[in-house]
Amino acid sequence: MLTLTCPYCGISAEETELHPGGEAHLTRVGPQGTDEEFEGYLFARKNAKGVHFERWRHVYGCGKWFLAARCTATLQVFGTYKAQTPHPPADIVAAIRQARPDWNPDWTTR
């Protein structure tokens, strides 16, 4: 069972108390974007095996959205952080690099 800690209220909750919201750190496409860019934003997701950044909502708690870094292969959670953060905090990046030294952060190119 996946257990995540909400960075707002500090409660550790199992995934049954949370609601997944998809991939985090996506670049939104506004009215100035092309149809192809908007289609890519809506439907194209990496779904990669390994380190993944996701959005979660603490449904049966404070109700707020937050972000989580975890490995999709092992379900190891590297940490959670507030949704307003544009990039993962340094302590989470350090935890990922310690567990996976060859990790290449693709969120820097988005």
N, C-alpha and C. Protein backbone atom coordinates (compact mmCIF):
# COMPACT_ATOMS: atom_id res chain seq x y z
N MET A 1 0.85 -1.18 0.00
CA MET A 1 0.00 0.00 0.00
C MET A 1 0.89 1.24 0.00
N LEU A 2 0.57 2.19 -0.85
CA LEU A 2 1.30 3.43 -0.95
C LEU A 2 0.86 4.37 0.17
N THR A 3 1.81 4.90 0.92
CA THR A 3 1.53 5.84 2.00
C THR A 3 2.27 7.14 1.73
N LEU A 4 1.52 8.24 1.71
CA LEU A 4 2.10 9.55 1.47
C LEU A 4 1.77 10.47 2.64
N THR A 5 2.68 11.40 2.93
CA THR A 5 2.46 12.37 4.00
C THR A 5 2.06 13.70 3.39
N CYS A 6 0.93 14.23 3.80
CA CYS A 6 0.45 15.51 3.29
C CYS A 6 1.34 16.61 3.86
N PRO A 7 1.93 17.45 2.99
CA PRO A 7 2.81 18.51 3.48
C PRO A 7 2.05 19.66 4.14
N TYR A 8 0.74 19.71 4.00
CA TYR A 8 -0.05 20.79 4.60
C TYR A 8 -0.47 20.46 6.03
N CYS A 9 -1.06 19.27 6.22
CA CYS A 9 -1.55 18.92 7.55
C CYS A 9 -0.64 17.94 8.28
N GLY A 10 0.35 17.36 7.58
CA GLY A 10 1.32 16.48 8.22
C GLY A 10 0.83 15.07 8.50
N ILE A 11 -0.33 14.70 8.00
CA ILE A 11 -0.89 13.37 8.24
C ILE A 11 -0.39 12.40 7.19
N SER A 12 0.08 11.22 7.63
CA SER A 12 0.46 10.15 6.71
C SER A 12 -0.80 9.39 6.34
N ALA A 13 -1.12 9.35 5.06
CA ALA A 13 -2.36 8.74 4.61
C ALA A 13 -2.07 7.66 3.58
N GLU A 14 -2.86 6.59 3.64
CA GLU A 14 -2.77 5.54 2.63
C GLU A 14 -3.44 6.03 1.35
N GLU A 15 -3.13 5.39 0.25
CA GLU A 15 -3.63 5.84 -1.04
C GLU A 15 -5.15 5.80 -1.14
N THR A 16 -5.82 5.03 -0.28
CA THR A 16 -7.28 5.00 -0.29
C THR A 16 -7.88 6.29 0.26
N GLU A 17 -7.10 7.09 0.98
CA GLU A 17 -7.55 8.37 1.52
C GLU A 17 -7.18 9.53 0.60
N LEU A 18 -6.51 9.21 -0.49
CA LEU A 18 -6.01 10.22 -1.41
C LEU A 18 -6.63 10.03 -2.78
N HIS A 19 -6.49 11.05 -3.62
CA HIS A 19 -6.96 10.95 -5.00
C HIS A 19 -5.83 11.35 -5.93
N PRO A 20 -5.43 10.48 -6.87
CA PRO A 20 -4.33 10.84 -7.78
C PRO A 20 -4.78 11.87 -8.80
N GLY A 21 -3.85 12.74 -9.16
CA GLY A 21 -4.19 13.80 -10.11
C GLY A 21 -3.30 13.81 -11.34
N GLY A 22 -2.52 12.76 -11.54
CA GLY A 22 -1.70 12.70 -12.74
C GLY A 22 -0.31 13.27 -12.56
N GLU A 23 0.35 13.44 -13.69
CA GLU A 23 1.74 13.89 -13.71
C GLU A 23 1.86 15.34 -13.22
N ALA A 24 2.91 15.61 -12.48
CA ALA A 24 3.16 16.96 -11.97
C ALA A 24 4.15 17.70 -12.87
N HIS A 25 4.26 18.99 -12.65
CA HIS A 25 5.21 19.87 -13.33
C HIS A 25 5.01 19.91 -14.85
N LEU A 26 3.76 19.91 -15.29
CA LEU A 26 3.47 20.04 -16.71
C LEU A 26 3.36 21.51 -17.07
N THR A 27 3.81 21.86 -18.25
CA THR A 27 3.67 23.22 -18.74
C THR A 27 2.29 23.37 -19.35
N ARG A 28 1.50 24.27 -18.79
CA ARG A 28 0.14 24.48 -19.28
C ARG A 28 0.17 25.16 -20.64
N VAL A 29 -0.81 24.84 -21.47
CA VAL A 29 -0.92 25.45 -22.79
C VAL A 29 -2.11 26.39 -22.75
N GLY A 30 -1.88 27.64 -23.05
CA GLY A 30 -2.92 28.65 -23.02
C GLY A 30 -3.52 28.89 -24.39
N PRO A 31 -4.29 29.95 -24.52
CA PRO A 31 -4.96 30.25 -25.79
C PRO A 31 -3.99 30.50 -26.94
N GLN A 32 -2.77 30.92 -26.65
CA GLN A 32 -1.80 31.19 -27.70
C GLN A 32 -1.18 29.91 -28.26
N GLY A 33 -1.40 28.76 -27.63
CA GLY A 33 -0.82 27.50 -28.09
C GLY A 33 -1.51 26.95 -29.33
N THR A 34 -0.80 26.09 -30.03
CA THR A 34 -1.37 25.45 -31.22
C THR A 34 -2.22 24.26 -30.81
N ASP A 35 -2.98 23.75 -31.76
CA ASP A 35 -3.80 22.57 -31.49
C ASP A 35 -2.93 21.37 -31.12
N GLU A 36 -1.79 21.22 -31.76
CA GLU A 36 -0.89 20.11 -31.48
C GLU A 36 -0.31 20.21 -30.06
N GLU A 37 0.04 21.42 -29.64
CA GLU A 37 0.55 21.62 -28.28
C GLU A 37 -0.53 21.30 -27.24
N PHE A 38 -1.76 21.74 -27.51
CA PHE A 38 -2.85 21.48 -26.57
C PHE A 38 -3.17 19.99 -26.52
N GLU A 39 -3.15 19.32 -27.67
CA GLU A 39 -3.37 17.88 -27.71
C GLU A 39 -2.28 17.15 -26.92
N GLY A 40 -1.04 17.56 -27.07
CA GLY A 40 0.06 16.96 -26.32
C GLY A 40 -0.09 17.17 -24.82
N TYR A 41 -0.53 18.37 -24.43
CA TYR A 41 -0.75 18.66 -23.01
C TYR A 41 -1.85 17.79 -22.42
N LEU A 42 -2.92 17.60 -23.17
CA LEU A 42 -4.05 16.82 -22.65
C LEU A 42 -3.80 15.31 -22.62
N PHE A 43 -3.16 14.79 -23.65
CA PHE A 43 -3.12 13.34 -23.82
C PHE A 43 -1.75 12.69 -23.71
N ALA A 44 -0.67 13.40 -23.96
CA ALA A 44 0.66 12.79 -23.99
C ALA A 44 1.28 12.80 -22.59
N ARG A 45 1.50 11.61 -22.05
CA ARG A 45 2.15 11.47 -20.75
C ARG A 45 3.26 10.45 -20.91
N LYS A 46 4.33 10.63 -20.14
CA LYS A 46 5.49 9.75 -20.26
C LYS A 46 5.22 8.37 -19.69
N ASN A 47 4.61 8.30 -18.51
CA ASN A 47 4.33 7.02 -17.85
C ASN A 47 5.58 6.16 -17.79
N ALA A 48 6.67 6.78 -17.41
CA ALA A 48 7.96 6.10 -17.39
C ALA A 48 8.13 5.21 -16.16
N LYS A 49 8.93 4.20 -16.31
CA LYS A 49 9.27 3.33 -15.19
C LYS A 49 10.44 3.99 -14.46
N GLY A 50 10.29 4.21 -13.17
CA GLY A 50 11.34 4.86 -12.39
C GLY A 50 10.80 6.04 -11.62
N VAL A 51 11.62 7.06 -11.43
CA VAL A 51 11.23 8.24 -10.66
C VAL A 51 10.15 9.01 -11.41
N HIS A 52 9.10 9.35 -10.67
CA HIS A 52 7.94 10.01 -11.26
C HIS A 52 7.43 11.06 -10.27
N PHE A 53 7.00 12.21 -10.79
CA PHE A 53 6.42 13.27 -9.97
C PHE A 53 4.94 13.34 -10.25
N GLU A 54 4.14 13.27 -9.18
CA GLU A 54 2.69 13.16 -9.34
C GLU A 54 1.97 14.19 -8.48
N ARG A 55 0.72 14.46 -8.87
CA ARG A 55 -0.17 15.31 -8.07
C ARG A 55 -1.10 14.38 -7.29
N TRP A 56 -1.35 14.73 -6.03
CA TRP A 56 -2.26 13.98 -5.18
C TRP A 56 -3.13 14.96 -4.40
N ARG A 57 -4.35 14.55 -4.10
CA ARG A 57 -5.25 15.35 -3.28
C ARG A 57 -5.58 14.57 -2.02
N HIS A 58 -5.47 15.24 -0.87
CA HIS A 58 -5.77 14.62 0.42
C HIS A 58 -7.29 14.71 0.64
N VAL A 59 -8.03 13.83 -0.01
CA VAL A 59 -9.48 13.88 -0.05
C VAL A 59 -10.11 13.77 1.33
N TYR A 60 -9.71 12.77 2.13
CA TYR A 60 -10.33 12.54 3.43
C TYR A 60 -9.55 13.21 4.56
N GLY A 61 -8.85 14.27 4.23
CA GLY A 61 -8.10 15.04 5.22
C GLY A 61 -8.37 16.51 4.99
N CYS A 62 -7.31 17.26 4.72
CA CYS A 62 -7.43 18.72 4.54
C CYS A 62 -8.01 19.10 3.18
N GLY A 63 -8.03 18.17 2.21
CA GLY A 63 -8.60 18.45 0.90
C GLY A 63 -7.69 19.18 -0.07
N LYS A 64 -6.44 19.40 0.31
CA LYS A 64 -5.53 20.17 -0.54
C LYS A 64 -4.73 19.28 -1.49
N TRP A 65 -4.33 19.88 -2.61
CA TRP A 65 -3.48 19.20 -3.58
C TRP A 65 -2.03 19.34 -3.17
N PHE A 66 -1.25 18.28 -3.38
CA PHE A 66 0.18 18.33 -3.13
C PHE A 66 0.89 17.48 -4.16
N LEU A 67 2.22 17.56 -4.18
CA LEU A 67 3.02 16.81 -5.14
C LEU A 67 3.86 15.76 -4.42
N ALA A 68 4.10 14.65 -5.09
CA ALA A 68 4.88 13.56 -4.53
C ALA A 68 5.90 13.07 -5.54
N ALA A 69 7.06 12.70 -5.04
CA ALA A 69 8.10 12.07 -5.86
C ALA A 69 8.22 10.63 -5.41
N ARG A 70 8.07 9.71 -6.35
CA ARG A 70 8.16 8.29 -6.00
C ARG A 70 8.67 7.49 -7.19
N CYS A 71 9.09 6.27 -6.92
CA CYS A 71 9.54 5.36 -7.96
C CYS A 71 8.35 4.48 -8.34
N THR A 72 8.01 4.44 -9.61
CA THR A 72 6.87 3.64 -10.05
C THR A 72 7.17 2.15 -10.06
N ALA A 73 8.43 1.78 -10.06
CA ALA A 73 8.80 0.36 -10.08
C ALA A 73 8.80 -0.25 -8.67
N THR A 74 9.27 0.51 -7.68
CA THR A 74 9.41 -0.02 -6.32
C THR A 74 8.43 0.57 -5.33
N LEU A 75 7.69 1.61 -5.72
CA LEU A 75 6.78 2.37 -4.86
C LEU A 75 7.50 3.10 -3.73
N GLN A 76 8.81 3.28 -3.84
CA GLN A 76 9.55 4.04 -2.84
C GLN A 76 9.16 5.51 -2.97
N VAL A 77 8.77 6.10 -1.85
CA VAL A 77 8.39 7.52 -1.83
C VAL A 77 9.59 8.32 -1.38
N PHE A 78 10.00 9.29 -2.19
CA PHE A 78 11.15 10.13 -1.86
C PHE A 78 10.75 11.36 -1.07
N GLY A 79 9.49 11.74 -1.15
CA GLY A 79 9.00 12.87 -0.39
C GLY A 79 7.79 13.52 -1.04
N THR A 80 7.16 14.39 -0.27
CA THR A 80 6.02 15.16 -0.76
C THR A 80 6.29 16.64 -0.50
N TYR A 81 5.65 17.49 -1.28
CA TYR A 81 5.84 18.92 -1.12
C TYR A 81 4.61 19.65 -1.65
N LYS A 82 4.50 20.92 -1.28
CA LYS A 82 3.32 21.71 -1.61
C LYS A 82 3.18 21.91 -3.12
N ALA A 83 1.95 22.00 -3.57
CA ALA A 83 1.64 22.08 -5.00
C ALA A 83 2.14 23.36 -5.66
N GLN A 84 2.35 24.40 -4.90
CA GLN A 84 2.79 25.66 -5.48
C GLN A 84 4.28 25.69 -5.79
N THR A 85 5.00 24.64 -5.43
CA THR A 85 6.44 24.57 -5.65
C THR A 85 6.73 24.24 -7.11
N PRO A 86 7.48 25.10 -7.83
CA PRO A 86 7.71 24.84 -9.26
C PRO A 86 8.65 23.67 -9.55
N HIS A 87 9.56 23.36 -8.62
CA HIS A 87 10.49 22.25 -8.77
C HIS A 87 10.61 21.52 -7.45
N PRO A 88 10.99 20.25 -7.48
CA PRO A 88 11.14 19.51 -6.22
C PRO A 88 12.17 20.17 -5.30
N PRO A 89 11.93 20.18 -4.00
CA PRO A 89 12.89 20.75 -3.05
C PRO A 89 14.22 19.98 -3.06
N ALA A 90 15.27 20.64 -2.62
CA ALA A 90 16.62 20.08 -2.64
C ALA A 90 16.73 18.78 -1.86
N ASP A 91 16.01 18.66 -0.73
CA ASP A 91 16.12 17.43 0.07
C ASP A 91 15.52 16.23 -0.66
N ILE A 92 14.48 16.45 -1.44
CA ILE A 92 13.88 15.35 -2.22
C ILE A 92 14.79 14.98 -3.38
N VAL A 93 15.37 15.96 -4.04
CA VAL A 93 16.32 15.69 -5.13
C VAL A 93 17.51 14.91 -4.58
N ALA A 94 18.01 15.28 -3.40
CA ALA A 94 19.13 14.57 -2.78
C ALA A 94 18.76 13.13 -2.46
N ALA A 95 17.54 12.90 -1.96
CA ALA A 95 17.09 11.54 -1.65
C ALA A 95 17.00 10.69 -2.92
N ILE A 96 16.53 11.29 -4.00
CA ILE A 96 16.44 10.57 -5.28
C ILE A 96 17.84 10.22 -5.78
N ARG A 97 18.74 11.20 -5.74
CA ARG A 97 20.12 10.96 -6.22
C ARG A 97 20.84 9.91 -5.37
N GLN A 98 20.55 9.85 -4.08
CA GLN A 98 21.16 8.84 -3.22
C GLN A 98 20.67 7.45 -3.60
N ALA A 99 19.39 7.31 -3.88
CA ALA A 99 18.82 6.01 -4.23
C ALA A 99 19.11 5.63 -5.68
N ARG A 100 19.17 6.63 -6.55
CA ARG A 100 19.39 6.39 -7.98
C ARG A 100 20.42 7.39 -8.51
N PRO A 101 21.71 7.06 -8.38
CA PRO A 101 22.77 7.99 -8.80
C PRO A 101 22.73 8.36 -10.29
N ASP A 102 22.18 7.50 -11.13
CA ASP A 102 22.14 7.78 -12.57
C ASP A 102 20.90 8.55 -13.00
N TRP A 103 20.09 9.01 -12.04
CA TRP A 103 18.84 9.69 -12.35
C TRP A 103 19.10 11.01 -13.06
N ASN A 104 18.35 11.24 -14.16
CA ASN A 104 18.45 12.48 -14.91
C ASN A 104 17.11 13.21 -14.79
N PRO A 105 17.08 14.35 -14.11
CA PRO A 105 15.80 15.04 -13.89
C PRO A 105 15.25 15.65 -15.17
N ASP A 106 14.18 15.05 -15.71
CA ASP A 106 13.59 15.57 -16.94
C ASP A 106 12.68 16.76 -16.68
N TRP A 107 12.36 17.05 -15.41
CA TRP A 107 11.48 18.20 -15.12
C TRP A 107 12.17 19.52 -15.41
N THR A 108 13.50 19.54 -15.58
CA THR A 108 14.19 20.79 -15.87
C THR A 108 13.98 21.23 -17.31
N THR A 109 13.50 20.35 -18.17
CA THR A 109 13.30 20.68 -19.58
C THR A 109 11.87 21.04 -19.91
N ARG A 110 11.01 21.05 -18.92
CA ARG A 110 9.59 21.35 -19.20
C ARG A 110 9.27 22.79 -18.96
